[in-house]
Amino acid sequence: MNIIEKKEVFGIASKDDAVEIASLASTWVEEMGHNVDPLKILKEFEHYLNIGRVFTAKSEGKIVGMFIATIKTPIWNGHQVGNEECVFIDPSYRGKGLIVKFIKLFEEWSKYMGCTEVTFNPSIYGAPKLESFCKFLGRLGYSVTAHELTREI
């Protein structure tokens, strides 16, 4: 499944994309101020290929964005929920509408998988501009339903 929009091609990642995705993920991790072993990122990517869906955006043959999605079934309601695990767009491609196209793919895939709702889990670690990202999602019809609380141990 590929959707062509202007110069970007949206599709589904495969194991052949692992090194390129790991490189893009490393950029994302560094942007957040962390340092993660690239081999750990490769393992994580392979894990998500097995349990969910990894969407990619390519421009001129290079992966410039990724959106990792999984399906969860909360015990309190038993309904399948599409869950955003990670989304990252190369800084030079931000503000060009790629996120909206990723969200559309995510919602369509989740619906196809039998989900009745989708969730985003932005955190202060994953979204450098958390408040503006939440407002952006609000304009797309998303509402805040829960909060994540964390503590270092």
Protein backbone atom coordinates (compact mmCIF):
# COMPACT_ATOMS: atom_id res chain seq x y z
CA MET A 1 0.00 0.00 0.00
CA ASN A 2 1.60 3.25 -1.13
CA ILE A 3 0.01 6.67 -1.20
CA ILE A 4 1.82 9.20 -3.34
CA GLU A 5 1.52 12.82 -2.23
CA LYS A 6 3.60 15.40 -4.08
CA LYS A 7 7.19 14.18 -3.67
CA GLU A 8 6.61 11.98 -0.61
CA VAL A 9 5.62 8.33 -0.83
CA PHE A 10 3.89 6.81 2.19
CA GLY A 11 4.14 3.09 2.79
CA ILE A 12 4.78 0.31 5.23
CA ALA A 13 8.27 -0.42 6.49
CA SER A 14 9.96 -3.79 6.10
CA LYS A 15 13.06 -5.35 7.62
CA ASP A 16 15.00 -3.90 4.68
CA ASP A 17 14.31 -0.44 6.14
CA ALA A 18 15.78 -1.30 9.56
CA VAL A 19 19.11 0.53 9.28
CA GLU A 20 17.55 3.66 7.78
CA ILE A 21 14.76 3.71 10.39
CA ALA A 22 17.34 3.24 13.16
CA SER A 23 19.29 6.22 11.81
CA LEU A 24 16.14 8.38 11.75
CA ALA A 25 15.22 7.17 15.25
CA SER A 26 18.70 8.08 16.47
CA THR A 27 18.11 11.64 15.26
CA TRP A 28 14.83 11.69 17.21
CA VAL A 29 16.47 10.33 20.37
CA GLU A 30 19.32 12.85 20.13
CA GLU A 31 16.80 15.68 19.61
CA MET A 32 15.30 14.71 22.98
CA GLY A 33 18.74 14.86 24.60
CA HIS A 34 19.25 11.11 25.00
CA ASN A 35 21.91 8.72 23.79
CA VAL A 36 20.75 5.21 22.86
CA ASP A 37 22.76 2.34 21.40
CA PRO A 38 21.83 1.98 17.68
CA LEU A 39 21.64 -1.82 18.12
CA LYS A 40 18.93 -1.32 20.74
CA ILE A 41 17.01 0.85 18.27
CA LEU A 42 17.32 -1.88 15.61
CA LYS A 43 15.94 -4.48 18.03
CA GLU A 44 13.10 -2.16 19.01
CA PHE A 45 12.23 -1.57 15.35
CA GLU A 46 12.15 -5.31 14.65
CA HIS A 47 9.89 -5.74 17.70
CA TYR A 48 7.41 -3.21 16.32
CA LEU A 49 7.48 -4.84 12.88
CA ASN A 50 6.35 -8.05 14.59
CA ILE A 51 3.62 -6.63 16.84
CA GLY A 52 2.33 -3.59 14.96
CA ARG A 53 2.76 -1.45 11.90
CA VAL A 54 5.57 0.93 10.97
CA PHE A 55 4.50 3.52 8.41
CA THR A 56 7.14 5.49 6.53
CA ALA A 57 7.32 8.61 4.41
CA LYS A 58 10.01 8.67 1.76
CA SER A 59 11.24 11.57 -0.30
CA GLU A 60 13.60 10.93 -3.19
CA GLY A 61 14.10 7.38 -1.91
CA LYS A 62 15.09 8.43 1.62
CA ILE A 63 12.94 7.76 4.72
CA VAL A 64 12.07 11.18 6.16
CA GLY A 65 9.37 10.17 8.61
CA MET A 66 8.05 7.22 10.57
CA PHE A 67 4.94 6.41 12.54
CA ILE A 68 4.84 3.30 14.72
CA ALA A 69 1.42 1.95 15.66
CA THR A 70 0.22 -1.02 17.70
CA ILE A 71 -3.10 -2.47 18.76
CA LYS A 72 -3.94 -2.65 22.46
CA THR A 73 -6.93 -4.15 24.21
CA PRO A 74 -7.50 -2.42 27.58
CA ILE A 75 -8.83 -4.84 30.19
CA TRP A 76 -11.46 -2.37 31.39
CA ASN A 77 -13.44 -2.36 28.14
CA GLY A 78 -12.10 -5.19 25.96
CA HIS A 79 -12.23 -3.10 22.78
CA GLN A 80 -9.25 -2.91 20.47
CA VAL A 81 -7.56 0.48 20.36
CA GLY A 82 -5.03 1.71 17.82
CA ASN A 83 -2.09 3.11 19.75
CA GLU A 84 0.57 5.54 18.53
CA GLU A 85 3.90 4.35 19.87
CA CYS A 86 6.24 6.76 18.13
CA VAL A 87 6.10 9.38 15.42
CA PHE A 88 9.06 11.29 14.06
CA ILE A 89 9.57 13.48 11.03
CA ASP A 90 12.96 14.71 9.88
CA PRO A 91 13.21 18.37 10.98
CA SER A 92 13.64 19.56 7.37
CA TYR A 93 10.27 17.96 6.44
CA ARG A 94 8.20 19.26 9.33
CA GLY A 95 5.35 21.65 8.67
CA LYS A 96 4.62 20.09 5.27
CA GLY A 97 1.57 18.05 6.25
CA LEU A 98 3.28 14.68 6.66
CA ILE A 99 1.88 14.19 10.17
CA VAL A 100 -1.70 14.61 8.92
CA LYS A 101 -1.10 11.94 6.27
CA PHE A 102 0.45 9.63 8.88
CA ILE A 103 -2.56 10.12 11.14
CA LYS A 104 -4.91 9.26 8.27
CA LEU A 105 -2.97 6.04 7.57
CA PHE A 106 -2.94 5.21 11.29
CA GLU A 107 -6.69 5.73 11.62
CA GLU A 108 -7.47 3.72 8.45
CA TRP A 109 -5.21 0.85 9.55
CA SER A 110 -6.67 0.85 13.07
CA LYS A 111 -10.21 0.74 11.70
CA TYR A 112 -9.24 -2.10 9.34
CA MET A 113 -7.80 -3.98 12.35
CA GLY A 114 -11.15 -3.71 14.16
CA CYS A 115 -10.39 -0.79 16.45
CA THR A 116 -13.14 1.53 17.60
CA GLU A 117 -10.79 4.31 18.70
CA VAL A 118 -7.19 5.45 18.45
CA THR A 119 -4.90 7.04 21.00
CA PHE A 120 -1.80 9.18 21.05
CA ASN A 121 0.55 9.13 24.00
CA PRO A 122 2.65 12.26 23.67
CA SER A 123 5.03 12.79 26.53
CA ILE A 124 7.50 15.43 27.53
CA TYR A 125 10.19 13.03 26.33
CA GLY A 126 8.74 12.42 22.89
CA ALA A 127 7.25 15.74 21.89
CA PRO A 128 9.62 18.69 22.21
CA LYS A 129 6.61 20.97 21.89
CA LEU A 130 4.11 18.89 23.84
CA GLU A 131 1.52 21.61 24.39
CA SER A 132 1.41 22.67 20.75
CA PHE A 133 1.24 19.03 19.62
CA CYS A 134 -1.74 18.42 21.91
CA LYS A 135 -3.48 21.54 20.55
CA PHE A 136 -2.75 20.33 17.00
CA LEU A 137 -4.34 16.95 17.77
CA GLY A 138 -7.30 18.77 19.34
CA ARG A 139 -7.90 20.58 16.04
CA LEU A 140 -8.09 17.14 14.39
CA GLY A 141 -10.82 16.02 16.82
CA TYR A 142 -8.71 14.36 19.52
CA SER A 143 -9.42 15.04 23.19
CA VAL A 144 -7.38 14.53 26.33
CA THR A 145 -8.69 11.49 28.21
CA ALA A 146 -5.80 10.56 30.49
CA HIS A 147 -2.42 11.70 31.71
CA GLU A 148 0.89 9.92 32.01
CA LEU A 149 2.76 10.25 35.27
CA THR A 150 6.41 9.30 35.47
CA ARG A 151 9.15 9.22 38.06
CA GLU A 152 12.80 8.30 37.88
CA ILE A 153 13.76 5.29 39.99
